[in-house]
C-alpha atoms as a PDB file:
ATOM      1  CA  MET A   1      -0.570   3.833 -25.656  1.00  0.00           C
ATOM      2  CA  SER A   2      -1.535   7.597 -26.671  1.00  0.00           C
ATOM      3  CA  SER A   3       1.795   8.539 -24.567  1.00  0.00           C
ATOM      4  CA  SER A   4       4.455   6.891 -22.929  1.00  0.00           C
ATOM      5  CA  PRO A   5       7.517   7.829 -20.808  1.00  0.00           C
ATOM      6  CA  ALA A   6       9.001   7.094 -23.593  1.00  0.00           C
ATOM      7  CA  ASP A   7       7.868   9.812 -25.765  1.00  0.00           C
ATOM      8  CA  GLY A   8       9.723  12.184 -22.721  1.00  0.00           C
ATOM      9  CA  PRO A   9       9.171  13.242 -19.425  1.00  0.00           C
ATOM     10  CA  ILE A  10       5.393  14.704 -18.709  1.00  0.00           C
ATOM     11  CA  PRO A  11       5.301  17.932 -16.545  1.00  0.00           C
ATOM     12  CA  LEU A  12       3.472  17.453 -13.740  1.00  0.00           C
ATOM     13  CA  PRO A  13       1.746  20.461 -12.104  1.00  0.00           C
ATOM     14  CA  ALA A  14       2.298  20.065  -8.540  1.00  0.00           C
ATOM     15  CA  ALA A  15       5.142  22.013  -6.487  1.00  0.00           C
ATOM     16  CA  PRO A  16       7.634  20.212  -5.095  1.00  0.00           C
ATOM     17  CA  GLY A  17       7.440  19.624  -1.230  1.00  0.00           C
ATOM     18  CA  ASN A  18       4.873  18.312   1.098  1.00  0.00           C
ATOM     19  CA  GLY A  19       2.905  21.247   1.172  1.00  0.00           C
ATOM     20  CA  PRO A  20       0.386  23.109   1.296  1.00  0.00           C
ATOM     21  CA  SER A  21      -0.184  22.845   5.051  1.00  0.00           C
ATOM     22  CA  VAL A  22      -3.358  21.997   6.317  1.00  0.00           C
ATOM     23  CA  SER A  23      -5.214  22.328   9.707  1.00  0.00           C
ATOM     24  CA  ARG A  24      -6.638  20.196  11.653  1.00  0.00           C
ATOM     25  CA  GLN A  25     -10.290  21.689  11.078  1.00  0.00           C
ATOM     26  CA  GLU A  26      -9.412  21.375   7.127  1.00  0.00           C
ATOM     27  CA  PHE A  27      -8.562  17.694   7.863  1.00  0.00           C
ATOM     28  CA  ASP A  28     -11.213  16.940   9.858  1.00  0.00           C
ATOM     29  CA  SER A  29     -13.836  18.206   7.033  1.00  0.00           C
ATOM     30  CA  LEU A  30     -12.450  16.191   4.356  1.00  0.00           C
ATOM     31  CA  PHE A  31     -12.406  12.922   7.020  1.00  0.00           C
ATOM     32  CA  ASP A  32     -16.208  13.426   7.097  1.00  0.00           C
ATOM     33  CA  ALA A  33     -16.629  13.892   3.266  1.00  0.00           C
ATOM     34  CA  VAL A  34     -14.777  11.205   2.232  1.00  0.00           C
ATOM     35  CA  ARG A  35     -16.161   8.600   5.092  1.00  0.00           C
ATOM     36  CA  THR A  36     -17.935   5.618   4.300  1.00  0.00           C
ATOM     37  CA  TRP A  37     -19.409   4.365   7.071  1.00  0.00           C
ATOM     38  CA  GLY A  38     -22.446   2.231   7.260  1.00  0.00           C
ATOM     39  CA  ARG A  39     -22.148   1.228   3.573  1.00  0.00           C
ATOM     40  CA  TRP A  40     -21.152  -2.434   3.503  1.00  0.00           C
ATOM     41  CA  THR A  41     -21.794  -5.442   4.918  1.00  0.00           C
ATOM     42  CA  PRO A  42     -20.082  -6.784   6.136  1.00  0.00           C
ATOM     43  CA  ALA A  43     -18.378  -3.395   7.754  1.00  0.00           C
ATOM     44  CA  ASP A  44     -15.079  -5.049   8.450  1.00  0.00           C
ATOM     45  CA  ARG A  45     -14.173  -5.844   5.192  1.00  0.00           C
ATOM     46  CA  GLY A  46     -14.547  -1.792   4.290  1.00  0.00           C
ATOM     47  CA  ALA A  47     -13.663  -0.967   1.056  1.00  0.00           C
ATOM     48  CA  TRP A  48     -12.924  -4.646  -0.247  1.00  0.00           C
ATOM     49  CA  ASN A  49     -16.563  -5.196  -0.697  1.00  0.00           C
ATOM     50  CA  ARG A  50     -16.649  -3.027  -3.508  1.00  0.00           C
ATOM     51  CA  VAL A  51     -14.820  -6.240  -5.507  1.00  0.00           C
ATOM     52  CA  THR A  52     -17.012  -8.525  -7.055  1.00  0.00           C
ATOM     53  CA  SER A  53     -16.870 -11.844  -9.024  1.00  0.00           C
ATOM     54  CA  GLY A  54     -17.408  -9.005 -12.483  1.00  0.00           C
ATOM     55  CA  HIS A  55     -14.009  -7.299 -10.917  1.00  0.00           C
ATOM     56  CA  VAL A  56     -12.315 -10.574 -10.455  1.00  0.00           C
ATOM     57  CA  ARG A  57     -12.960 -11.400 -14.247  1.00  0.00           C
ATOM     58  CA  ARG A  58     -12.276  -8.037 -15.257  1.00  0.00           C
ATOM     59  CA  ALA A  59      -8.426  -8.469 -13.937  1.00  0.00           C
ATOM     60  CA  ALA A  60      -8.417 -11.730 -15.588  1.00  0.00           C
ATOM     61  CA  THR A  61      -9.018 -10.283 -18.961  1.00  0.00           C
ATOM     62  CA  LEU A  62      -5.845  -8.014 -17.692  1.00  0.00           C
ATOM     63  CA  ILE A  63      -3.340 -10.931 -18.225  1.00  0.00           C
ATOM     64  CA  ARG A  64      -1.407 -11.110 -21.501  1.00  0.00           C
ATOM     65  CA  SER A  65       1.725 -12.567 -21.236  1.00  0.00           C
ATOM     66  CA  GLY A  66       1.653 -14.284 -17.966  1.00  0.00           C
ATOM     67  CA  THR A  67       4.256 -12.690 -16.508  1.00  0.00           C
ATOM     68  CA  VAL A  68       4.072 -12.846 -12.976  1.00  0.00           C
ATOM     69  CA  VAL A  69       6.013 -10.301 -10.462  1.00  0.00           C
ATOM     70  CA  PRO A  70       6.285 -10.509  -7.290  1.00  0.00           C
ATOM     71  CA  LEU A  71       5.874  -7.426  -5.252  1.00  0.00           C
ATOM     72  CA  GLY A  72       7.222  -8.501  -1.685  1.00  0.00           C
ATOM     73  CA  LEU A  73      10.545  -7.270  -0.024  1.00  0.00           C
ATOM     74  CA  PRO A  74      12.551  -9.985   1.557  1.00  0.00           C
ATOM     75  CA  TRP A  75      12.517 -10.817   4.824  1.00  0.00           C
ATOM     76  CA  ASN A  76      14.676  -8.409   6.440  1.00  0.00           C
ATOM     77  CA  THR A  77      16.794  -9.438   9.238  1.00  0.00           C
ATOM     78  CA  ARG A  78      19.136  -6.802   9.524  1.00  0.00           C
ATOM     79  CA  ALA A  79      18.896  -3.694  11.796  1.00  0.00           C
ATOM     80  CA  GLY A  80      19.198   0.064  10.110  1.00  0.00           C
ATOM     81  CA  PRO A  81      17.447   3.545   9.615  1.00  0.00           C
ATOM     82  CA  ASP A  82      14.627   2.075   8.341  1.00  0.00           C
ATOM     83  CA  ASN A  83      14.608  -1.386  10.176  1.00  0.00           C
ATOM     84  CA  GLY A  84      13.988  -0.466  13.584  1.00  0.00           C
ATOM     85  CA  LYS A  85      12.552  -3.993  14.454  1.00  0.00           C
ATOM     86  CA  PRO A  86      14.570  -6.554  12.476  1.00  0.00           C
ATOM     87  CA  ALA A  87      12.659  -9.966  11.766  1.00  0.00           C
ATOM     88  CA  LEU A  88      13.748 -12.575  12.859  1.00  0.00           C
ATOM     89  CA  HIS A  89      14.720 -16.191  11.408  1.00  0.00           C
ATOM     90  CA  TYR A  90      17.124 -19.033  13.132  1.00  0.00           C
ATOM     91  CA  MET A  91      16.623 -22.521  12.452  1.00  0.00           C
ATOM     92  CA  SER A  92      14.969 -24.951  14.671  1.00  0.00           C
ATOM     93  CA  ASP A  93      15.707 -28.468  13.528  1.00  0.00           C
ATOM     94  CA  LEU A  94      19.268 -28.995  11.531  1.00  0.00           C
ATOM     95  CA  GLY A  95      18.313 -32.456  10.781  1.00  0.00           C
ATOM     96  CA  ASP A  96      21.159 -34.122  12.907  1.00  0.00           C
ATOM     97  CA  VAL A  97      18.997 -36.839  14.708  1.00  0.00           C
ATOM     98  CA  GLU A  98      19.948 -40.250  13.583  1.00  0.00           C
ATOM     99  CA  ALA A  99      16.873 -41.578  13.154  1.00  0.00           C
ATOM    100  CA  PRO A 100      14.169 -42.541  12.016  1.00  0.00           C
ATOM    101  CA  GLU A 101      14.514 -41.041   8.459  1.00  0.00           C
ATOM    102  CA  PRO A 102      14.066 -38.830   6.605  1.00  0.00           C
ATOM    103  CA  ALA A 103      15.927 -36.020   8.547  1.00  0.00           C
ATOM    104  CA  THR A 104      13.994 -32.968   8.934  1.00  0.00           C
ATOM    105  CA  HIS A 105      15.122 -28.979   8.485  1.00  0.00           C
ATOM    106  CA  LYS A 106      13.201 -26.500  10.162  1.00  0.00           C
ATOM    107  CA  ASP A 107      13.468 -22.904  10.798  1.00  0.00           C
ATOM    108  CA  PHE A 108      11.266 -20.027  12.767  1.00  0.00           C
ATOM    109  CA  ILE A 109      10.199 -16.924  11.836  1.00  0.00           C
ATOM    110  CA  ALA A 110       8.777 -13.905  13.592  1.00  0.00           C
ATOM    111  CA  ILE A 111       8.005 -10.238  12.902  1.00  0.00           C
ATOM    112  CA  ASP A 112       6.605  -6.772  14.478  1.00  0.00           C
ATOM    113  CA  TYR A 113       5.889  -6.299  10.903  1.00  0.00           C
ATOM    114  CA  HIS A 114       4.052  -2.566  10.745  1.00  0.00           C
ATOM    115  CA  GLY A 115       6.845   0.132  10.230  1.00  0.00           C
ATOM    116  CA  LYS A 116       9.353   0.608   6.625  1.00  0.00           C
ATOM    117  CA  ALA A 117      10.866  -2.451   6.158  1.00  0.00           C
ATOM    118  CA  VAL A 118       8.206  -5.005   5.815  1.00  0.00           C
ATOM    119  CA  SER A 119       5.925  -5.359   2.646  1.00  0.00           C
ATOM    120  CA  HIS A 120       2.412  -5.730   4.852  1.00  0.00           C
ATOM    121  CA  LEU A 121      -1.251  -5.045   4.581  1.00  0.00           C
ATOM    122  CA  ASP A 122      -2.799  -2.422   6.949  1.00  0.00           C
ATOM    123  CA  ALA A 123      -6.435  -4.169   8.041  1.00  0.00           C
ATOM    124  CA  LEU A 124      -9.224  -1.886   9.402  1.00  0.00           C
ATOM    125  CA  SER A 125      -8.333  -2.171  12.948  1.00  0.00           C
ATOM    126  CA  HIS A 126      -4.318  -0.941  12.718  1.00  0.00           C
ATOM    127  CA  ILE A 127      -5.749   2.844  12.525  1.00  0.00           C
ATOM    128  CA  ALA A 128      -7.756   4.978  14.731  1.00  0.00           C
ATOM    129  CA  TYR A 129      -8.576   8.652  14.724  1.00  0.00           C
ATOM    130  CA  ARG A 130     -10.481  10.608  17.573  1.00  0.00           C
ATOM    131  CA  GLY A 131     -10.670   7.660  19.166  1.00  0.00           C
ATOM    132  CA  GLN A 132     -12.679   5.461  16.486  1.00  0.00           C
ATOM    133  CA  LEU A 133     -11.840   2.900  14.005  1.00  0.00           C
ATOM    134  CA  TYR A 134     -13.433   2.552  10.593  1.00  0.00           C
ATOM    135  CA  GLU A 135     -17.403   2.568  11.042  1.00  0.00           C
ATOM    136  CA  GLY A 136     -17.300   4.448  14.373  1.00  0.00           C
ATOM    137  CA  ARG A 137     -16.439   1.533  16.375  1.00  0.00           C
ATOM    138  CA  THR A 138     -14.651   2.835  19.695  1.00  0.00           C
ATOM    139  CA  ALA A 139     -11.009   1.308  19.515  1.00  0.00           C
ATOM    140  CA  ARG A 140     -10.406   0.664  23.389  1.00  0.00           C
ATOM    141  CA  GLU A 141     -13.828  -1.439  23.295  1.00  0.00           C
ATOM    142  CA  VAL A 142     -12.678  -3.714  20.115  1.00  0.00           C
ATOM    143  CA  VAL A 143      -8.838  -3.655  20.499  1.00  0.00           C
ATOM    144  CA  ASP A 144      -7.235  -5.295  23.511  1.00  0.00           C
ATOM    145  CA  ALA A 145      -4.215  -7.338  24.334  1.00  0.00           C
ATOM    146  CA  GLY A 146      -6.179 -10.391  22.490  1.00  0.00           C
ATOM    147  CA  GLY A 147      -6.427  -8.504  19.392  1.00  0.00           C
ATOM    148  CA  ALA A 148      -9.229  -6.999  17.531  1.00  0.00           C
ATOM    149  CA  ARG A 149     -12.992  -8.049  17.534  1.00  0.00           C
ATOM    150  CA  PHE A 150     -13.586  -5.508  14.337  1.00  0.00           C
ATOM    151  CA  GLY A 151     -11.790  -4.972  11.543  1.00  0.00           C
ATOM    152  CA  ALA A 152      -9.201  -7.731  11.876  1.00  0.00           C
ATOM    153  CA  VAL A 153      -6.994  -9.119   8.685  1.00  0.00           C
ATOM    154  CA  GLU A 154      -8.912 -11.979   8.812  1.00  0.00           C
ATOM    155  CA  ALA A 155     -12.095 -10.498   7.769  1.00  0.00           C
ATOM    156  CA  LEU A 156     -10.686  -9.123   4.958  1.00  0.00           C
ATOM    157  CA  GLY A 157      -9.469 -12.557   3.034  1.00  0.00           C
ATOM    158  CA  PRO A 158      -7.786 -12.796  -0.298  1.00  0.00           C
ATOM    159  CA  LEU A 159      -8.539  -9.784  -3.441  1.00  0.00           C
ATOM    160  CA  VAL A 160      -7.790 -10.149  -6.667  1.00  0.00           C
ATOM    161  CA  THR A 161      -8.970  -7.215  -8.704  1.00  0.00           C
ATOM    162  CA  LYS A 162      -7.074  -4.599 -11.478  1.00  0.00           C
ATOM    163  CA  GLY A 163      -4.480  -3.280 -10.263  1.00  0.00           C
ATOM    164  CA  VAL A 164      -3.155   0.188 -11.479  1.00  0.00           C
ATOM    165  CA  LEU A 165       0.870   1.208 -10.941  1.00  0.00           C
ATOM    166  CA  LEU A 166       1.178   5.160 -10.675  1.00  0.00           C
ATOM    167  CA  ASP A 167       4.585   5.123 -12.034  1.00  0.00           C
ATOM    168  CA  LEU A 168       6.107   8.535 -11.247  1.00  0.00           C
ATOM    169  CA  PRO A 169       9.579   8.621 -11.539  1.00  0.00           C
ATOM    170  CA  ALA A 170       8.949   6.961 -15.100  1.00  0.00           C
ATOM    171  CA  VAL A 171       6.491  10.059 -16.012  1.00  0.00           C
ATOM    172  CA  LEU A 172       8.559  12.152 -15.162  1.00  0.00           C
ATOM    173  CA  GLY A 173      12.134  10.819 -16.555  1.00  0.00           C
ATOM    174  CA  THR A 174      13.624  10.510 -12.967  1.00  0.00           C
ATOM    175  CA  ASN A 175      14.650   7.621 -11.095  1.00  0.00           C
ATOM    176  CA  TRP A 176      12.843   8.351  -8.068  1.00  0.00           C
ATOM    177  CA  LEU A 177      10.930  11.193  -6.128  1.00  0.00           C
ATOM    178  CA  GLU A 178      12.819  12.797  -3.391  1.00  0.00           C
ATOM    179  CA  PRO A 179      12.202  11.786   0.314  1.00  0.00           C
ATOM    180  CA  GLY A 180       9.460  14.498   0.986  1.00  0.00           C
ATOM    181  CA  GLN A 181       7.717  15.084  -2.274  1.00  0.00           C
ATOM    182  CA  ALA A 182       4.111  15.166  -2.122  1.00  0.00           C
ATOM    183  CA  VAL A 183       1.828  13.585  -4.904  1.00  0.00           C
ATOM    184  CA  HIS A 184      -1.466  15.254  -5.358  1.00  0.00           C
ATOM    185  CA  ALA A 185      -4.360  15.129  -7.329  1.00  0.00           C
ATOM    186  CA  GLN A 186      -3.476  17.022 -10.672  1.00  0.00           C
ATOM    187  CA  ASP A 187      -0.553  14.783 -10.651  1.00  0.00           C
ATOM    188  CA  ILE A 188      -2.801  11.296 -10.607  1.00  0.00           C
ATOM    189  CA  ILE A 189      -4.724  12.790 -13.407  1.00  0.00           C
ATOM    190  CA  ALA A 190      -1.419  13.335 -15.215  1.00  0.00           C
ATOM    191  CA  THR A 191      -0.058  10.424 -14.724  1.00  0.00           C
ATOM    192  CA  GLU A 192      -3.157   8.413 -15.437  1.00  0.00           C
ATOM    193  CA  ARG A 193      -3.147  10.491 -19.233  1.00  0.00           C
ATOM    194  CA  ALA A 194       0.716   9.936 -19.851  1.00  0.00           C
ATOM    195  CA  LEU A 195       0.438   6.112 -18.956  1.00  0.00           C
ATOM    196  CA  ASP A 196      -2.432   5.342 -20.406  1.00  0.00           C
ATOM    197  CA  VAL A 197      -4.358   3.923 -17.352  1.00  0.00           C
ATOM    198  CA  THR A 198      -7.599   4.637 -15.613  1.00  0.00           C
ATOM    199  CA  ILE A 199      -8.346   4.014 -11.953  1.00  0.00           C
ATOM    200  CA  ASP A 200     -12.039   3.276 -11.069  1.00  0.00           C
ATOM    201  CA  ASP A 201     -14.146   1.234  -9.248  1.00  0.00           C
ATOM    202  CA  GLY A 202     -12.537  -1.494  -7.465  1.00  0.00           C
ATOM    203  CA  SER A 203      -9.470  -1.238  -8.593  1.00  0.00           C
ATOM    204  CA  ALA A 204      -6.026  -1.176  -6.643  1.00  0.00           C
ATOM    205  CA  VAL A 205      -3.855   1.531  -7.145  1.00  0.00           C
ATOM    206  CA  LEU A 206      -0.031   1.285  -6.577  1.00  0.00           C
ATOM    207  CA  LEU A 207       2.541   3.989  -5.900  1.00  0.00           C
ATOM    208  CA  ARG A 208       5.890   4.013  -7.083  1.00  0.00           C
ATOM    209  CA  SER A 209       8.071   6.520  -5.704  1.00  0.00           C
ATOM    210  CA  GLY A 210      11.440   4.654  -6.695  1.00  0.00           C
ATOM    211  CA  ARG A 211      12.467   4.616  -3.136  1.00  0.00           C
ATOM    212  CA  PHE A 212      14.220   1.199  -3.441  1.00  0.00           C
ATOM    213  CA  ARG A 213      15.795   2.227  -6.140  1.00  0.00           C
ATOM    214  CA  ARG A 214      17.147   5.371  -4.168  1.00  0.00           C
ATOM    215  CA  ARG A 215      17.896   2.821  -1.306  1.00  0.00           C
ATOM    216  CA  ARG A 216      19.730   0.887  -3.358  1.00  0.00           C
ATOM    217  CA  GLU A 217      21.588   3.299  -4.366  1.00  0.00           C
ATOM    218  CA  LEU A 218      22.221   5.761  -2.209  1.00  0.00           C
ATOM    219  CA  GLY A 219      21.432   3.339   1.117  1.00  0.00           C
ATOM    220  CA  PRO A 220      19.069   3.701   3.606  1.00  0.00           C
ATOM    221  CA  TRP A 221      17.103   6.481   5.829  1.00  0.00           C
ATOM    222  CA  ASN A 222      14.655   7.299   8.017  1.00  0.00           C
ATOM    223  CA  ALA A 223      11.733   7.021   5.855  1.00  0.00           C
ATOM    224  CA  ASP A 224       9.484   7.788   9.061  1.00  0.00           C
ATOM    225  CA  ALA A 225      10.654  10.888   9.043  1.00  0.00           C
ATOM    226  CA  ALA A 226      11.017  11.836   5.068  1.00  0.00           C
ATOM    227  CA  SER A 227       8.993  10.016   2.397  1.00  0.00           C
ATOM    228  CA  ALA A 228       7.640  10.763  -1.005  1.00  0.00           C
ATOM    229  CA  GLY A 229       3.667   9.925  -0.676  1.00  0.00           C
ATOM    230  CA  PHE A 230       0.241  11.142  -1.044  1.00  0.00           C
ATOM    231  CA  HIS A 231      -0.889  14.584   0.317  1.00  0.00           C
ATOM    232  CA  VAL A 232      -4.521  14.834   1.670  1.00  0.00           C
ATOM    233  CA  ASP A 233      -5.626  16.687  -1.544  1.00  0.00           C
ATOM    234  CA  ALA A 234      -5.273  13.375  -3.540  1.00  0.00           C
ATOM    235  CA  VAL A 235      -7.796  11.392  -1.214  1.00  0.00           C
ATOM    236  CA  PRO A 236     -10.938  13.252  -2.913  1.00  0.00           C
ATOM    237  CA  LEU A 237     -10.180  12.157  -6.515  1.00  0.00           C
ATOM    238  CA  LEU A 238      -9.426   8.355  -4.770  1.00  0.00           C
ATOM    239  CA  ALA A 239     -12.800   8.372  -2.934  1.00  0.00           C
ATOM    240  CA  GLU A 240     -14.145   9.834  -6.146  1.00  0.00           C
ATOM    241  CA  ARG A 241     -13.024   6.697  -8.190  1.00  0.00           C
ATOM    242  CA  ALA A 242     -14.485   4.130  -5.565  1.00  0.00           C
ATOM    243  CA  ILE A 243     -10.718   2.685  -4.924  1.00  0.00           C
ATOM    244  CA  ALA A 244     -10.836  -0.763  -3.190  1.00  0.00           C
ATOM    245  CA  LEU A 245      -6.913  -0.622  -2.064  1.00  0.00           C
ATOM    246  CA  LEU A 246      -4.144   1.566  -2.122  1.00  0.00           C
ATOM    247  CA  GLY A 247      -0.085   1.311  -1.654  1.00  0.00           C
ATOM    248  CA  GLY A 248       2.793   1.674  -3.060  1.00  0.00           C
ATOM    249  CA  ASP A 249       6.683   1.433  -2.558  1.00  0.00           C
ATOM    250  CA  GLY A 250       6.003   3.780   0.873  1.00  0.00           C
ATOM    251  CA  ASP A 251       3.197   3.739   3.421  1.00  0.00           C
ATOM    252  CA  SER A 252       1.313   6.186   0.985  1.00  0.00           C
ATOM    253  CA  ASP A 253       1.930   9.451   3.216  1.00  0.00           C
ATOM    254  CA  VAL A 254       4.163  12.001   2.231  1.00  0.00           C
ATOM    255  CA  ARG A 255       6.356  12.624   5.187  1.00  0.00           C
ATOM    256  CA  PRO A 256       6.805  15.186   7.107  1.00  0.00           C
ATOM    257  CA  SER A 257       3.520  15.065   7.347  1.00  0.00           C
ATOM    258  CA  PRO A 258       1.566  18.697   5.569  1.00  0.00           C
ATOM    259  CA  VAL A 259      -1.509  18.079   8.083  1.00  0.00           C
ATOM    260  CA  GLU A 260      -0.756  20.032  11.565  1.00  0.00           C
ATOM    261  CA  GLY A 261      -0.188  17.444  14.676  1.00  0.00           C
ATOM    262  CA  LEU A 262      -1.466  14.216  12.706  1.00  0.00           C
ATOM    263  CA  HIS A 263       1.679  11.966  11.743  1.00  0.00           C
ATOM    264  CA  SER A 264      -0.429   9.696   8.830  1.00  0.00           C
ATOM    265  CA  PRO A 265      -3.098  11.701   7.536  1.00  0.00           C
ATOM    266  CA  ILE A 266      -3.456   9.542   4.363  1.00  0.00           C
ATOM    267  CA  HIS A 267      -3.524   6.272   7.199  1.00  0.00           C
ATOM    268  CA  ALA A 268      -6.531   8.074   8.601  1.00  0.00           C
ATOM    269  CA  LEU A 269      -8.464   9.013   6.110  1.00  0.00           C
ATOM    270  CA  ALA A 270      -8.065   5.550   3.970  1.00  0.00           C
ATOM    271  CA  ILE A 271      -8.317   3.352   6.428  1.00  0.00           C
ATOM    272  CA  THR A 272     -10.239   4.892   9.038  1.00  0.00           C
ATOM    273  CA  ALA A 273     -12.955   7.284   7.008  1.00  0.00           C
ATOM    274  CA  MET A 274     -13.139   5.340   3.689  1.00  0.00           C
ATOM    275  CA  GLY A 275     -12.347   1.484   5.129  1.00  0.00           C
ATOM    276  CA  VAL A 276      -9.509   1.415   2.141  1.00  0.00           C
ATOM    277  CA  PRO A 277      -6.678  -1.057   3.229  1.00  0.00           C
ATOM    278  CA  LEU A 278      -3.145  -0.252   2.974  1.00  0.00           C
ATOM    279  CA  LEU A 279      -0.317  -2.134   1.238  1.00  0.00           C
ATOM    280  CA  ASP A 280       2.934  -0.578   2.524  1.00  0.00           C
ATOM    281  CA  ASN A 281       6.603  -0.996   1.429  1.00  0.00           C
ATOM    282  CA  LEU A 282       6.235  -2.535  -1.933  1.00  0.00           C
ATOM    283  CA  ASP A 283       8.938  -3.263  -3.990  1.00  0.00           C
ATOM    284  CA  LEU A 284       7.695  -2.048  -7.345  1.00  0.00           C
ATOM    285  CA  GLU A 285      10.998  -1.776  -9.061  1.00  0.00           C
ATOM    286  CA  ALA A 286      10.565  -5.284 -11.377  1.00  0.00           C
ATOM    287  CA  LEU A 287       6.987  -4.415 -12.112  1.00  0.00           C
ATOM    288  CA  SER A 288       7.950  -0.841 -13.118  1.00  0.00           C
ATOM    289  CA  ALA A 289      10.164  -2.255 -15.460  1.00  0.00           C
ATOM    290  CA  ALA A 290       7.576  -4.549 -16.175  1.00  0.00           C
ATOM    291  CA  CYS A 291       4.844  -2.604 -17.389  1.00  0.00           C
ATOM    292  CA  ALA A 292       7.741  -0.700 -19.038  1.00  0.00           C
ATOM    293  CA  GLU A 293       8.188  -3.311 -21.324  1.00  0.00           C
ATOM    294  CA  ALA A 294       4.544  -4.113 -21.775  1.00  0.00           C
ATOM    295  CA  GLU A 295       3.523  -0.268 -22.143  1.00  0.00           C
ATOM    296  CA  ARG A 296       0.735  -1.137 -20.079  1.00  0.00           C
ATOM    297  CA  TYR A 297       0.333  -0.310 -16.791  1.00  0.00           C
ATOM    298  CA  GLU A 298      -2.591  -2.037 -15.626  1.00  0.00           C
ATOM    299  CA  PHE A 299      -2.370  -5.715 -14.280  1.00  0.00           C
ATOM    300  CA  MET A 300      -4.139  -8.644 -12.230  1.00  0.00           C
ATOM    301  CA  LEU A 301      -3.200  -7.970  -8.523  1.00  0.00           C
ATOM    302  CA  VAL A 302      -3.334 -10.792  -5.989  1.00  0.00           C
ATOM    303  CA  VAL A 303      -2.969 -10.363  -2.174  1.00  0.00           C
ATOM    304  CA  THR A 304      -3.279 -12.960   0.038  1.00  0.00           C
ATOM    305  CA  PRO A 305      -3.145 -11.872   3.426  1.00  0.00           C
ATOM    306  CA  LEU A 306      -2.412 -14.717   6.731  1.00  0.00           C
ATOM    307  CA  ALA A 307      -5.474 -15.504   8.304  1.00  0.00           C
ATOM    308  CA  VAL A 308      -4.596 -14.021  11.830  1.00  0.00           C
ATOM    309  CA  PRO A 309      -7.775 -14.156  14.308  1.00  0.00           C
ATOM    310  CA  GLY A 310      -7.277 -10.683  15.649  1.00  0.00           C
ATOM    311  CA  GLY A 311      -4.613  -9.635  13.486  1.00  0.00           C
ATOM    312  CA  THR A 312      -4.017  -5.796  12.780  1.00  0.00           C
ATOM    313  CA  GLY A 313      -2.677  -6.891   8.878  1.00  0.00           C
ATOM    314  CA  SER A 314      -0.234  -9.270   7.907  1.00  0.00           C
ATOM    315  CA  PRO A 315       3.133  -9.451   6.445  1.00  0.00           C
ATOM    316  CA  VAL A 316       2.081 -10.355   2.033  1.00  0.00           C
ATOM    317  CA  ASN A 317       3.778 -10.842  -0.772  1.00  0.00           C
ATOM    318  CA  PRO A 318       1.326  -9.861  -3.411  1.00  0.00           C
ATOM    319  CA  VAL A 319       1.640 -10.414  -7.164  1.00  0.00           C
ATOM    320  CA  ALA A 320       1.375  -8.263 -10.133  1.00  0.00           C
ATOM    321  CA  VAL A 321       0.075 -11.085 -13.148  1.00  0.00           C
ATOM    322  CA  LEU A 322       0.703  -8.833 -16.743  1.00  0.00           C
END
């Protein structure tokens, strides 16, 4: 590698904080500039259409040691500041029926997974902006109590592609980014240079802010109010690089939002404008350690969402293979 975290902290040019602020007019201009509506068939796979068999073969060439790193969080049944809707898990059969053999043990699970506590995939039906989903579909016409008739998670299917870890704390020589810290386009470029990686066509980009290391050392907080993530000025670069998937140990958005009157601008830009699904709340600590040991920050990423008809996403446990 030309340089690495071991060579010492690489100064990034971005100023601290979630700024600069962005007006809704500026945001709408950016939305229109990165929009990919009308580009692909089938449309509700969005940017996953970029990933061809060639991209899968390329991802396979990234496997060296065969190390498999799971990225999903444990099933979280405990309420907390970042888990307002705890998952359910209880035993439905304890094997106490005398006959016939063999005894069985069964359990029940359920979850309201969109939030801050569950590793999950956001499908294209998850986010509407100005009343429209990706491809300009009117949200009220295609999403109702029965689910989504466009942009559902079942349309995505599994994804195997090159993953790139943007490990900013490793580059900066810190344990984590503080909640509210924005990641800008120049930060992405500096991190690529420091880690000797390149985000290119069909890549899955994962941002590590160190959220879960901070949580384990300092305790939970309301990540919906304050979290490190991308500033909207990073999006044109990601659009230019033609990514297929965006994710991280947060939900990709810096919070508080820098865009007036808009809580989740990265969600709107990625999902609704660009057709790029999001991976939220990944535990990237083990991957960070594995990448540091291997001295490379690209790998094969495998994402297999549940095939839920009409679903707006799915809990997931993606794996990185180095």
